[in-house]
N, C-alpha and C. Protein backbone atom coordinates (compact mmCIF):
# COMPACT_ATOMS: atom_id res chain seq x y z
N MET A 1 -22.46 169.08 -80.89
CA MET A 1 -22.84 169.55 -79.50
C MET A 1 -21.72 169.35 -78.62
N THR A 2 -21.39 170.19 -77.82
CA THR A 2 -20.26 170.05 -76.81
C THR A 2 -20.75 170.24 -75.34
N ILE A 3 -21.87 169.90 -75.03
CA ILE A 3 -22.39 170.10 -73.75
C ILE A 3 -21.64 169.14 -72.76
N THR A 4 -21.32 169.58 -71.65
CA THR A 4 -20.48 168.82 -70.60
C THR A 4 -21.29 168.48 -69.53
N HIS A 5 -22.20 169.29 -69.03
CA HIS A 5 -23.06 169.04 -67.79
C HIS A 5 -24.14 170.09 -67.60
N ALA A 6 -25.04 169.73 -66.78
CA ALA A 6 -26.03 170.76 -66.44
C ALA A 6 -25.58 171.73 -65.32
N SER A 7 -25.57 172.98 -65.41
CA SER A 7 -25.08 173.88 -64.41
C SER A 7 -25.96 173.89 -63.09
N PHE A 8 -27.24 174.12 -63.29
CA PHE A 8 -28.16 174.00 -62.19
C PHE A 8 -29.58 173.68 -62.61
N VAL A 9 -30.31 173.30 -61.50
CA VAL A 9 -31.74 172.89 -61.46
C VAL A 9 -32.43 173.82 -60.62
N THR A 10 -33.41 174.48 -61.08
CA THR A 10 -34.14 175.43 -60.30
C THR A 10 -35.15 174.73 -59.49
N LEU A 11 -35.28 175.06 -58.09
CA LEU A 11 -36.14 174.44 -57.27
C LEU A 11 -36.94 175.76 -56.58
N PRO A 12 -38.09 175.93 -57.12
CA PRO A 12 -38.84 177.18 -56.66
C PRO A 12 -39.38 177.02 -55.25
N VAL A 13 -39.04 177.97 -54.36
CA VAL A 13 -39.47 177.83 -53.05
C VAL A 13 -40.24 179.11 -52.49
N SER A 14 -40.96 179.03 -51.46
CA SER A 14 -41.66 180.28 -51.03
C SER A 14 -40.89 180.90 -49.90
N ASP A 15 -39.94 180.17 -49.31
CA ASP A 15 -39.15 180.92 -48.25
C ASP A 15 -37.81 180.12 -48.28
N GLN A 16 -36.82 181.02 -48.75
CA GLN A 16 -35.48 180.54 -49.00
C GLN A 16 -34.70 180.00 -47.67
N ASP A 17 -35.14 180.82 -46.47
CA ASP A 17 -34.38 180.30 -45.32
C ASP A 17 -34.99 178.99 -44.80
N ARG A 18 -36.15 178.72 -45.05
CA ARG A 18 -36.81 177.38 -44.68
C ARG A 18 -36.30 176.41 -45.54
N ALA A 19 -36.26 176.64 -46.91
CA ALA A 19 -35.65 175.65 -47.84
C ALA A 19 -34.22 175.35 -47.59
N LEU A 20 -33.40 176.34 -47.19
CA LEU A 20 -32.07 176.20 -46.91
C LEU A 20 -31.91 175.18 -45.73
N ARG A 21 -32.69 175.33 -44.70
CA ARG A 21 -32.74 174.51 -43.56
C ARG A 21 -32.91 173.08 -43.95
N PHE A 22 -34.00 172.88 -44.84
CA PHE A 22 -34.35 171.48 -45.24
C PHE A 22 -33.09 170.97 -46.14
N TYR A 23 -32.61 171.73 -47.09
CA TYR A 23 -31.62 171.00 -48.10
C TYR A 23 -30.34 170.85 -47.29
N ARG A 24 -29.95 171.85 -46.48
CA ARG A 24 -28.70 171.72 -45.81
C ARG A 24 -28.79 170.89 -44.55
N ASP A 25 -29.55 171.09 -43.70
CA ASP A 25 -29.73 170.38 -42.45
C ASP A 25 -30.27 169.12 -42.43
N VAL A 26 -31.39 168.88 -43.26
CA VAL A 26 -31.93 167.62 -43.37
C VAL A 26 -31.33 166.82 -44.33
N LEU A 27 -31.15 167.09 -45.63
CA LEU A 27 -30.60 166.41 -46.71
C LEU A 27 -29.03 166.35 -46.80
N GLY A 28 -28.41 167.33 -45.96
CA GLY A 28 -26.93 167.37 -45.95
C GLY A 28 -26.23 167.95 -47.10
N LEU A 29 -27.03 168.74 -47.89
CA LEU A 29 -26.30 169.40 -49.07
C LEU A 29 -25.44 170.54 -48.57
N GLU A 30 -24.58 170.96 -49.41
CA GLU A 30 -23.71 172.10 -49.01
C GLU A 30 -24.05 173.29 -49.74
N VAL A 31 -23.92 174.54 -49.11
CA VAL A 31 -24.24 175.75 -49.73
C VAL A 31 -23.01 176.06 -50.77
N THR A 32 -23.35 176.21 -52.03
CA THR A 32 -22.31 176.60 -52.94
C THR A 32 -22.37 178.12 -53.34
N ALA A 33 -23.49 178.75 -53.04
CA ALA A 33 -23.67 180.23 -53.33
C ALA A 33 -24.67 180.71 -52.45
N ASP A 34 -24.56 181.95 -51.94
CA ASP A 34 -25.51 182.67 -51.08
C ASP A 34 -25.19 184.14 -51.15
N ARG A 35 -25.69 184.78 -52.06
CA ARG A 35 -25.41 186.23 -52.30
C ARG A 35 -26.70 186.94 -52.64
N ASP A 36 -26.59 188.21 -52.33
CA ASP A 36 -27.65 189.15 -52.83
C ASP A 36 -27.39 189.55 -54.34
N MET A 37 -28.49 189.54 -55.12
CA MET A 37 -28.44 189.93 -56.46
C MET A 37 -29.42 191.07 -56.68
N PRO A 38 -29.41 191.87 -57.82
CA PRO A 38 -30.51 192.73 -57.94
C PRO A 38 -31.86 192.31 -57.98
N GLN A 39 -32.06 191.06 -58.48
CA GLN A 39 -33.37 190.43 -58.63
C GLN A 39 -33.74 189.53 -57.41
N GLY A 40 -32.82 189.45 -56.42
CA GLY A 40 -33.09 188.59 -55.12
C GLY A 40 -31.93 187.87 -54.80
N ARG A 41 -32.09 187.07 -53.78
CA ARG A 41 -31.09 186.23 -53.27
C ARG A 41 -30.85 185.17 -54.13
N TRP A 42 -29.57 184.95 -54.44
CA TRP A 42 -29.09 183.81 -55.19
C TRP A 42 -28.48 182.67 -54.32
N LEU A 43 -29.26 181.62 -54.13
CA LEU A 43 -28.95 180.66 -53.23
C LEU A 43 -28.95 179.27 -53.76
N GLN A 44 -27.73 178.70 -53.65
CA GLN A 44 -27.59 177.30 -54.37
C GLN A 44 -26.96 176.30 -53.42
N VAL A 45 -27.36 175.18 -53.45
CA VAL A 45 -26.95 173.92 -52.72
C VAL A 45 -26.58 172.78 -53.63
N ALA A 46 -25.74 171.80 -53.12
CA ALA A 46 -25.38 170.71 -53.92
C ALA A 46 -24.85 169.66 -52.93
N PRO A 47 -24.98 168.50 -53.37
CA PRO A 47 -24.11 167.39 -52.71
C PRO A 47 -22.63 167.60 -52.91
N ALA A 48 -21.82 167.23 -51.93
CA ALA A 48 -20.42 167.44 -51.96
C ALA A 48 -19.83 166.95 -53.27
N GLY A 49 -19.12 167.74 -54.04
CA GLY A 49 -18.33 167.37 -55.18
C GLY A 49 -19.26 167.35 -56.50
N ALA A 50 -20.53 167.78 -56.42
CA ALA A 50 -21.40 167.70 -57.52
C ALA A 50 -21.08 168.84 -58.50
N ARG A 51 -21.27 168.52 -59.65
CA ARG A 51 -21.12 169.67 -60.74
C ARG A 51 -22.41 170.39 -60.92
N THR A 52 -23.52 169.70 -60.76
CA THR A 52 -24.86 170.35 -61.06
C THR A 52 -25.34 170.67 -59.62
N VAL A 53 -25.81 172.09 -59.51
CA VAL A 53 -26.30 172.53 -58.25
C VAL A 53 -27.91 172.74 -58.38
N PHE A 54 -28.41 172.97 -57.02
CA PHE A 54 -29.87 173.30 -57.13
C PHE A 54 -29.92 174.81 -56.65
N THR A 55 -30.70 175.59 -57.51
CA THR A 55 -30.86 176.93 -57.10
C THR A 55 -32.24 176.96 -56.38
N LEU A 56 -32.10 177.43 -55.09
CA LEU A 56 -33.46 177.64 -54.43
C LEU A 56 -33.94 179.04 -54.69
N ALA A 57 -34.89 179.07 -55.73
CA ALA A 57 -35.33 180.30 -56.20
C ALA A 57 -36.45 180.78 -55.38
N GLY A 58 -36.34 181.95 -54.74
CA GLY A 58 -37.46 182.38 -53.95
C GLY A 58 -38.50 183.23 -54.74
N PRO A 59 -39.41 183.83 -54.07
CA PRO A 59 -40.43 184.52 -54.77
C PRO A 59 -39.85 185.69 -55.66
N GLY A 60 -40.42 185.89 -56.72
CA GLY A 60 -39.78 186.99 -57.74
C GLY A 60 -38.64 186.67 -58.57
N MET A 61 -38.04 185.41 -58.31
CA MET A 61 -36.98 184.96 -59.04
C MET A 61 -37.39 184.12 -60.33
N GLY A 62 -37.54 184.72 -61.37
CA GLY A 62 -37.91 184.01 -62.67
C GLY A 62 -39.33 183.66 -62.82
N GLY A 63 -40.14 184.03 -61.85
CA GLY A 63 -41.55 183.73 -62.15
C GLY A 63 -41.95 182.25 -61.81
N PHE A 64 -41.06 181.50 -61.09
CA PHE A 64 -41.43 180.00 -60.99
C PHE A 64 -42.54 179.95 -59.81
N GLU A 65 -43.31 179.00 -59.78
CA GLU A 65 -44.39 178.55 -58.84
C GLU A 65 -43.67 177.69 -57.74
N PRO A 66 -43.58 178.11 -56.52
CA PRO A 66 -43.05 177.27 -55.45
C PRO A 66 -43.76 175.89 -55.43
N GLY A 67 -42.92 174.85 -55.36
CA GLY A 67 -43.62 173.49 -55.34
C GLY A 67 -43.80 172.89 -56.66
N SER A 68 -43.45 173.54 -57.77
CA SER A 68 -43.74 173.04 -59.08
C SER A 68 -42.75 172.06 -59.68
N ALA A 69 -41.60 171.94 -59.12
CA ALA A 69 -40.55 171.02 -59.61
C ALA A 69 -40.96 169.57 -59.25
N ARG A 70 -40.68 168.75 -60.25
CA ARG A 70 -41.00 167.36 -60.12
C ARG A 70 -39.81 166.37 -60.58
N GLY A 71 -39.73 165.21 -60.15
CA GLY A 71 -38.85 164.25 -60.73
C GLY A 71 -37.30 164.47 -60.40
N ILE A 72 -37.03 165.21 -59.41
CA ILE A 72 -35.57 165.46 -59.02
C ILE A 72 -35.00 164.16 -58.35
N MET A 73 -34.11 163.52 -59.02
CA MET A 73 -33.60 162.21 -58.51
C MET A 73 -32.28 162.40 -57.82
N LEU A 74 -32.14 161.90 -56.50
CA LEU A 74 -30.97 162.05 -55.65
C LEU A 74 -30.42 160.64 -55.58
N VAL A 75 -29.17 160.38 -55.93
CA VAL A 75 -28.68 159.03 -55.88
C VAL A 75 -28.02 158.88 -54.53
N THR A 76 -28.19 157.86 -53.70
CA THR A 76 -27.63 157.64 -52.53
C THR A 76 -27.09 156.28 -52.47
N THR A 77 -26.22 155.95 -51.63
CA THR A 77 -25.59 154.63 -51.36
C THR A 77 -26.38 153.76 -50.52
N ASP A 78 -27.34 154.31 -49.77
CA ASP A 78 -28.17 153.63 -48.77
C ASP A 78 -29.46 154.34 -48.56
N VAL A 79 -30.43 154.01 -49.42
CA VAL A 79 -31.73 154.62 -49.60
C VAL A 79 -32.54 154.19 -48.30
N ASP A 80 -32.33 153.12 -47.70
CA ASP A 80 -33.13 152.72 -46.55
C ASP A 80 -32.64 153.61 -45.33
N ALA A 81 -31.40 153.74 -45.12
CA ALA A 81 -30.93 154.62 -44.16
C ALA A 81 -31.33 156.06 -44.17
N ASP A 82 -31.29 156.53 -45.47
CA ASP A 82 -31.79 157.86 -45.72
C ASP A 82 -33.15 158.18 -45.47
N CYS A 83 -33.94 157.13 -45.74
CA CYS A 83 -35.47 157.17 -45.51
C CYS A 83 -35.69 157.22 -44.00
N ALA A 84 -34.88 156.48 -43.30
CA ALA A 84 -35.09 156.47 -41.80
C ALA A 84 -34.79 157.90 -41.30
N ARG A 85 -33.74 158.41 -41.78
CA ARG A 85 -33.18 159.79 -41.36
C ARG A 85 -34.44 160.89 -41.67
N LEU A 86 -34.94 160.68 -42.86
CA LEU A 86 -35.97 161.69 -43.35
C LEU A 86 -37.21 161.56 -42.37
N ALA A 87 -37.63 160.20 -41.97
CA ALA A 87 -38.70 159.90 -41.13
C ALA A 87 -38.47 160.58 -39.88
N GLU A 88 -37.18 160.41 -39.32
CA GLU A 88 -36.87 160.99 -37.98
C GLU A 88 -37.02 162.55 -37.97
N ALA A 89 -36.81 163.18 -39.14
CA ALA A 89 -36.91 164.52 -39.17
C ALA A 89 -38.35 164.99 -39.57
N GLY A 90 -39.26 164.04 -39.58
CA GLY A 90 -40.73 164.33 -39.79
C GLY A 90 -41.08 164.43 -41.22
N ILE A 91 -40.30 163.98 -42.12
CA ILE A 91 -40.59 164.06 -43.52
C ILE A 91 -41.38 162.74 -43.92
N ALA A 92 -42.52 162.91 -44.56
CA ALA A 92 -43.24 161.72 -45.10
C ALA A 92 -42.53 161.12 -46.25
N VAL A 93 -42.42 159.92 -46.39
CA VAL A 93 -41.66 159.23 -47.43
C VAL A 93 -42.48 158.06 -47.98
N GLN A 94 -42.56 157.98 -49.25
CA GLN A 94 -43.25 156.78 -49.85
C GLN A 94 -42.09 155.76 -50.26
N GLY A 95 -42.12 154.59 -49.84
CA GLY A 95 -41.12 153.61 -50.12
C GLY A 95 -40.16 153.51 -48.91
N PRO A 96 -39.09 153.03 -49.21
CA PRO A 96 -38.43 152.59 -50.53
C PRO A 96 -39.08 151.34 -51.15
N ASP A 97 -39.16 151.32 -52.38
CA ASP A 97 -39.70 150.16 -53.21
C ASP A 97 -38.57 149.65 -54.14
N GLU A 98 -38.67 148.33 -54.24
CA GLU A 98 -37.67 147.66 -55.14
C GLU A 98 -38.11 147.75 -56.52
N LEU A 99 -37.36 148.33 -57.46
CA LEU A 99 -37.67 148.58 -58.78
C LEU A 99 -36.63 148.04 -59.70
N PRO A 100 -36.82 147.79 -60.96
CA PRO A 100 -35.93 147.04 -61.83
C PRO A 100 -34.53 147.87 -61.72
N TRP A 101 -34.58 149.20 -61.61
CA TRP A 101 -33.25 149.95 -61.57
C TRP A 101 -32.72 150.27 -60.31
N GLY A 102 -33.34 149.76 -59.08
CA GLY A 102 -32.86 149.96 -57.87
C GLY A 102 -33.88 150.18 -56.74
N ARG A 103 -33.59 150.52 -55.60
CA ARG A 103 -34.46 150.89 -54.57
C ARG A 103 -34.66 152.30 -54.50
N MET A 104 -36.04 152.66 -54.52
CA MET A 104 -36.28 154.17 -54.75
C MET A 104 -37.44 154.48 -53.79
N ALA A 105 -37.30 155.79 -53.24
CA ALA A 105 -38.27 156.29 -52.34
C ALA A 105 -38.68 157.73 -52.85
N LEU A 106 -39.87 158.16 -52.56
CA LEU A 106 -40.29 159.49 -52.95
C LEU A 106 -40.62 160.33 -51.75
N PHE A 107 -40.52 161.66 -51.86
CA PHE A 107 -40.72 162.60 -50.86
C PHE A 107 -40.77 164.05 -51.37
N THR A 108 -41.27 164.98 -50.64
CA THR A 108 -41.34 166.34 -51.09
C THR A 108 -40.55 167.27 -50.06
N ASP A 109 -40.14 168.35 -50.66
CA ASP A 109 -39.59 169.39 -49.85
C ASP A 109 -40.70 170.23 -49.03
N PRO A 110 -40.39 171.23 -48.30
CA PRO A 110 -41.47 171.90 -47.54
C PRO A 110 -42.38 172.59 -48.55
N ASP A 111 -41.99 173.01 -49.75
CA ASP A 111 -42.86 173.56 -50.66
C ASP A 111 -43.68 172.57 -51.52
N GLY A 112 -43.34 171.32 -51.50
CA GLY A 112 -44.02 170.38 -52.35
C GLY A 112 -43.36 169.95 -53.66
N ASN A 113 -42.01 170.37 -53.66
CA ASN A 113 -41.24 169.92 -54.94
C ASN A 113 -40.85 168.49 -54.76
N GLY A 114 -41.16 167.74 -55.84
CA GLY A 114 -41.11 166.34 -55.79
C GLY A 114 -39.72 165.88 -55.93
N LEU A 115 -39.24 165.05 -55.02
CA LEU A 115 -37.77 164.54 -54.99
C LEU A 115 -37.84 163.00 -54.82
N ALA A 116 -36.82 162.34 -55.16
CA ALA A 116 -36.72 160.93 -55.09
C ALA A 116 -35.27 160.54 -54.60
N LEU A 117 -35.14 159.55 -53.77
CA LEU A 117 -33.90 158.93 -53.49
C LEU A 117 -33.78 157.55 -54.19
N LEU A 118 -32.61 157.27 -54.69
CA LEU A 118 -32.34 156.03 -55.46
C LEU A 118 -31.05 155.59 -55.07
N THR A 119 -31.10 154.23 -54.74
CA THR A 119 -29.91 153.45 -54.56
C THR A 119 -29.88 152.64 -55.93
N GLU A 120 -29.05 152.92 -56.83
CA GLU A 120 -28.85 152.20 -58.10
C GLU A 120 -28.72 150.70 -58.09
N LYS A 121 -29.33 149.96 -58.91
CA LYS A 121 -28.96 148.57 -59.00
C LYS A 121 -27.67 148.35 -59.67
N GLU A 122 -26.81 147.53 -59.26
CA GLU A 122 -25.53 147.36 -59.83
C GLU A 122 -25.76 146.83 -61.31
N GLY A 123 -24.96 147.40 -62.22
CA GLY A 123 -25.01 146.96 -63.65
C GLY A 123 -26.27 147.50 -64.40
N PHE A 124 -26.99 148.38 -63.82
CA PHE A 124 -28.15 148.88 -64.53
C PHE A 124 -27.88 150.00 -65.25
């Protein structure tokens, strides 16, 4: 096998503009693609410099159910500060909690897709 990386992760959303405001304006991700395609709008976001992007798939794109993604882990250098920013933006956050692998908090996007923030424990 010669796999080098994952290209994208699909996040099914009911409203791409609302999702874009959340991922870009609240989480600070960058838009890497935003174009009209025959099957609908192709909208992707990612952390700066990331090789793997998130496709914000709207209704009709692949038959995905909005809010059905789970376990999307976002690594951060300061989970506590990021949780405070999410709370200021009105986002409900569980944690952060101290775990064997680092400090982690859970939250959802406006459609209910499950995300986590993690500050990794050094050496883990």
